Amino acid sequence: MKAVKLPHDQRVYVNVMESLVTQEVGKQIKETPPRIRRYLRMEEVVT
């Protein structure tokens, strides 16, 4: 894969930990029983 150099003002910042946390929370919520899951909101758990 060839790296593309963009000007500083056009770079997109991606926090890897945010992505990993979102993936893990999604996995954990899927494994949570439905009676508990209905009280959980993905956005609140991730933050």
PDB file of N, CA and C in Angstrom:
ATOM      1  N   MET A   1       0.847  -1.177   0.000  1.00  0.00           N
ATOM      2  CA  MET A   1       0.000   0.000   0.000  1.00  0.00           C
ATOM      3  C   MET A   1       0.891   1.238   0.000  1.00  0.00           C
ATOM      4  N   LYS A   2       0.594   2.171  -0.844  1.00  0.00           N
ATOM      5  CA  LYS A   2       1.384   3.391  -0.972  1.00  0.00           C
ATOM      6  C   LYS A   2       0.810   4.482  -0.057  1.00  0.00           C
ATOM      7  N   ALA A   3       1.667   5.111   0.712  1.00  0.00           N
ATOM      8  CA  ALA A   3       1.250   6.184   1.600  1.00  0.00           C
ATOM      9  C   ALA A   3       0.966   7.447   0.795  1.00  0.00           C
ATOM     10  N   VAL A   4      -0.094   8.131   1.173  1.00  0.00           N
ATOM     11  CA  VAL A   4      -0.465   9.379   0.515  1.00  0.00           C
ATOM     12  C   VAL A   4      -0.166  10.513   1.485  1.00  0.00           C
ATOM     13  N   LYS A   5       0.559  11.489   1.024  1.00  0.00           N
ATOM     14  CA  LYS A   5       0.881  12.638   1.874  1.00  0.00           C
ATOM     15  C   LYS A   5      -0.103  13.766   1.583  1.00  0.00           C
ATOM     16  N   LEU A   6      -0.838  14.130   2.605  1.00  0.00           N
ATOM     17  CA  LEU A   6      -1.811  15.215   2.488  1.00  0.00           C
ATOM     18  C   LEU A   6      -1.301  16.434   3.245  1.00  0.00           C
ATOM     19  N   PRO A   7      -1.717  17.612   2.814  1.00  0.00           N
ATOM     20  CA  PRO A   7      -1.393  18.810   3.586  1.00  0.00           C
ATOM     21  C   PRO A   7      -1.975  18.686   5.000  1.00  0.00           C
ATOM     22  N   HIS A   8      -1.345  19.325   5.947  1.00  0.00           N
ATOM     23  CA  HIS A   8      -1.743  19.216   7.347  1.00  0.00           C
ATOM     24  C   HIS A   8      -3.235  19.496   7.569  1.00  0.00           C
ATOM     25  N   ASP A   9      -3.783  20.484   6.899  1.00  0.00           N
ATOM     26  CA  ASP A   9      -5.182  20.855   7.116  1.00  0.00           C
ATOM     27  C   ASP A   9      -6.167  19.861   6.490  1.00  0.00           C
ATOM     28  N   GLN A  10      -5.711  18.902   5.709  1.00  0.00           N
ATOM     29  CA  GLN A  10      -6.605  17.928   5.076  1.00  0.00           C
ATOM     30  C   GLN A  10      -6.493  16.535   5.701  1.00  0.00           C
ATOM     31  N   ARG A  11      -5.679  16.386   6.715  1.00  0.00           N
ATOM     32  CA  ARG A  11      -5.509  15.089   7.367  1.00  0.00           C
ATOM     33  C   ARG A  11      -6.692  14.795   8.271  1.00  0.00           C
ATOM     34  N   VAL A  12      -7.040  13.546   8.330  1.00  0.00           N
ATOM     35  CA  VAL A  12      -8.133  13.105   9.198  1.00  0.00           C
ATOM     36  C   VAL A  12      -7.511  12.409  10.404  1.00  0.00           C
ATOM     37  N   TYR A  13      -7.899  12.840  11.582  1.00  0.00           N
ATOM     38  CA  TYR A  13      -7.381  12.259  12.811  1.00  0.00           C
ATOM     39  C   TYR A  13      -8.290  11.120  13.241  1.00  0.00           C
ATOM     40  N   VAL A  14      -7.726   9.956  13.451  1.00  0.00           N
ATOM     41  CA  VAL A  14      -8.495   8.807  13.908  1.00  0.00           C
ATOM     42  C   VAL A  14      -7.843   8.293  15.186  1.00  0.00           C
ATOM     43  N   ASN A  15      -8.595   8.332  16.268  1.00  0.00           N
ATOM     44  CA  ASN A  15      -8.105   7.819  17.536  1.00  0.00           C
ATOM     45  C   ASN A  15      -8.351   6.308  17.549  1.00  0.00           C
ATOM     46  N   VAL A  16      -7.301   5.530  17.541  1.00  0.00           N
ATOM     47  CA  VAL A  16      -7.414   4.077  17.472  1.00  0.00           C
ATOM     48  C   VAL A  16      -8.139   3.518  18.692  1.00  0.00           C
ATOM     49  N   MET A  17      -7.900   4.077  19.845  1.00  0.00           N
ATOM     50  CA  MET A  17      -8.543   3.567  21.058  1.00  0.00           C
ATOM     51  C   MET A  17     -10.060   3.752  21.001  1.00  0.00           C
ATOM     52  N   GLU A  18     -10.525   4.861  20.436  1.00  0.00           N
ATOM     53  CA  GLU A  18     -11.967   5.064  20.310  1.00  0.00           C
ATOM     54  C   GLU A  18     -12.589   3.963  19.461  1.00  0.00           C
ATOM     55  N   SER A  19     -11.928   3.630  18.371  1.00  0.00           N
ATOM     56  CA  SER A  19     -12.417   2.575  17.486  1.00  0.00           C
ATOM     57  C   SER A  19     -12.445   1.233  18.202  1.00  0.00           C
ATOM     58  N   LEU A  20     -11.383   0.916  18.936  1.00  0.00           N
ATOM     59  CA  LEU A  20     -11.319  -0.353  19.656  1.00  0.00           C
ATOM     60  C   LEU A  20     -12.376  -0.437  20.759  1.00  0.00           C
ATOM     61  N   VAL A  21     -12.569   0.653  21.475  1.00  0.00           N
ATOM     62  CA  VAL A  21     -13.572   0.673  22.543  1.00  0.00           C
ATOM     63  C   VAL A  21     -14.971   0.470  21.955  1.00  0.00           C
ATOM     64  N   THR A  22     -15.263   1.143  20.855  1.00  0.00           N
ATOM     65  CA  THR A  22     -16.573   1.004  20.215  1.00  0.00           C
ATOM     66  C   THR A  22     -16.815  -0.428  19.770  1.00  0.00           C
ATOM     67  N   GLN A  23     -15.806  -1.064  19.197  1.00  0.00           N
ATOM     68  CA  GLN A  23     -15.945  -2.456  18.775  1.00  0.00           C
ATOM     69  C   GLN A  23     -16.189  -3.376  19.964  1.00  0.00           C
ATOM     70  N   GLU A  24     -15.437  -3.188  21.023  1.00  0.00           N
ATOM     71  CA  GLU A  24     -15.571  -4.051  22.204  1.00  0.00           C
ATOM     72  C   GLU A  24     -16.916  -3.851  22.890  1.00  0.00           C
ATOM     73  N   VAL A  25     -17.359  -2.614  23.014  1.00  0.00           N
ATOM     74  CA  VAL A  25     -18.660  -2.348  23.635  1.00  0.00           C
ATOM     75  C   VAL A  25     -19.775  -2.987  22.807  1.00  0.00           C
ATOM     76  N   GLY A  26     -19.678  -2.894  21.488  1.00  0.00           N
ATOM     77  CA  GLY A  26     -20.674  -3.523  20.624  1.00  0.00           C
ATOM     78  C   GLY A  26     -20.725  -5.022  20.836  1.00  0.00           C
ATOM     79  N   LYS A  27     -19.556  -5.635  20.958  1.00  0.00           N
ATOM     80  CA  LYS A  27     -19.492  -7.080  21.191  1.00  0.00           C
ATOM     81  C   LYS A  27     -20.103  -7.437  22.549  1.00  0.00           C
ATOM     82  N   GLN A  28     -19.775  -6.667  23.571  1.00  0.00           N
ATOM     83  CA  GLN A  28     -20.282  -6.946  24.910  1.00  0.00           C
ATOM     84  C   GLN A  28     -21.801  -6.742  25.001  1.00  0.00           C
ATOM     85  N   ILE A  29     -22.308  -5.708  24.335  1.00  0.00           N
ATOM     86  CA  ILE A  29     -23.749  -5.448  24.365  1.00  0.00           C
ATOM     87  C   ILE A  29     -24.506  -6.576  23.683  1.00  0.00           C
ATOM     88  N   LYS A  30     -23.966  -7.114  22.587  1.00  0.00           N
ATOM     89  CA  LYS A  30     -24.621  -8.233  21.904  1.00  0.00           C
ATOM     90  C   LYS A  30     -24.723  -9.462  22.793  1.00  0.00           C
ATOM     91  N   GLU A  31     -23.752  -9.649  23.688  1.00  0.00           N
ATOM     92  CA  GLU A  31     -23.730 -10.806  24.576  1.00  0.00           C
ATOM     93  C   GLU A  31     -24.544 -10.582  25.852  1.00  0.00           C
ATOM     94  N   THR A  32     -25.028  -9.371  26.058  1.00  0.00           N
ATOM     95  CA  THR A  32     -25.815  -9.039  27.244  1.00  0.00           C
ATOM     96  C   THR A  32     -27.256  -9.529  27.056  1.00  0.00           C
ATOM     97  N   PRO A  33     -27.870 -10.071  28.107  1.00  0.00           N
ATOM     98  CA  PRO A  33     -29.265 -10.530  27.987  1.00  0.00           C
ATOM     99  C   PRO A  33     -30.195  -9.391  27.550  1.00  0.00           C
ATOM    100  N   PRO A  34     -31.202  -9.716  26.713  1.00  0.00           N
ATOM    101  CA  PRO A  34     -32.116  -8.685  26.192  1.00  0.00           C
ATOM    102  C   PRO A  34     -32.803  -7.859  27.273  1.00  0.00           C
ATOM    103  N   ARG A  35     -33.121  -8.464  28.405  1.00  0.00           N
ATOM    104  CA  ARG A  35     -33.823  -7.706  29.461  1.00  0.00           C
ATOM    105  C   ARG A  35     -32.944  -6.619  30.061  1.00  0.00           C
ATOM    106  N   ILE A  36     -31.635  -6.786  29.987  1.00  0.00           N
ATOM    107  CA  ILE A  36     -30.701  -5.758  30.469  1.00  0.00           C
ATOM    108  C   ILE A  36     -30.320  -4.825  29.331  1.00  0.00           C
ATOM    109  N   ARG A  37     -30.147  -5.391  28.145  1.00  0.00           N
ATOM    110  CA  ARG A  37     -29.703  -4.627  26.972  1.00  0.00           C
ATOM    111  C   ARG A  37     -30.635  -3.465  26.651  1.00  0.00           C
ATOM    112  N   ARG A  38     -31.920  -3.626  26.886  1.00  0.00           N
ATOM    113  CA  ARG A  38     -32.849  -2.541  26.533  1.00  0.00           C
ATOM    114  C   ARG A  38     -32.626  -1.270  27.353  1.00  0.00           C
ATOM    115  N   TYR A  39     -31.919  -1.391  28.471  1.00  0.00           N
ATOM    116  CA  TYR A  39     -31.621  -0.215  29.297  1.00  0.00           C
ATOM    117  C   TYR A  39     -30.280   0.425  28.949  1.00  0.00           C
ATOM    118  N   LEU A  40     -29.499  -0.217  28.076  1.00  0.00           N
ATOM    119  CA  LEU A  40     -28.178   0.294  27.730  1.00  0.00           C
ATOM    120  C   LEU A  40     -28.236   1.090  26.426  1.00  0.00           C
ATOM    121  N   ARG A  41     -27.515   2.173  26.402  1.00  0.00           N
ATOM    122  CA  ARG A  41     -27.373   2.959  25.166  1.00  0.00           C
ATOM    123  C   ARG A  41     -25.903   2.991  24.796  1.00  0.00           C
ATOM    124  N   MET A  42     -25.620   2.569  23.585  1.00  0.00           N
ATOM    125  CA  MET A  42     -24.245   2.437  23.111  1.00  0.00           C
ATOM    126  C   MET A  42     -23.439   3.713  23.353  1.00  0.00           C
ATOM    127  N   GLU A  43     -24.016   4.863  23.040  1.00  0.00           N
ATOM    128  CA  GLU A  43     -23.304   6.137  23.181  1.00  0.00           C
ATOM    129  C   GLU A  43     -22.906   6.410  24.627  1.00  0.00           C
ATOM    130  N   GLU A  44     -23.777   6.055  25.571  1.00  0.00           N
ATOM    131  CA  GLU A  44     -23.476   6.295  26.964  1.00  0.00           C
ATOM    132  C   GLU A  44     -22.413   5.348  27.485  1.00  0.00           C
ATOM    133  N   VAL A  45     -22.461   4.103  27.053  1.00  0.00           N
ATOM    134  CA  VAL A  45     -21.482   3.124  27.524  1.00  0.00           C
ATOM    135  C   VAL A  45     -20.101   3.449  26.987  1.00  0.00           C
ATOM    136  N   VAL A  46     -20.017   3.832  25.730  1.00  0.00           N
ATOM    137  CA  VAL A  46     -18.723   4.142  25.120  1.00  0.00           C
ATOM    138  C   VAL A  46     -18.069   5.337  25.786  1.00  0.00           C
ATOM    139  N   THR A  47     -18.850   6.347  26.119  1.00  0.00           N
ATOM    140  CA  THR A  47     -18.260   7.547  26.726  1.00  0.00           C
ATOM    141  C   THR A  47     -17.976   7.289  28.177  1.00  0.00           C
TER     142      THR A  47
END
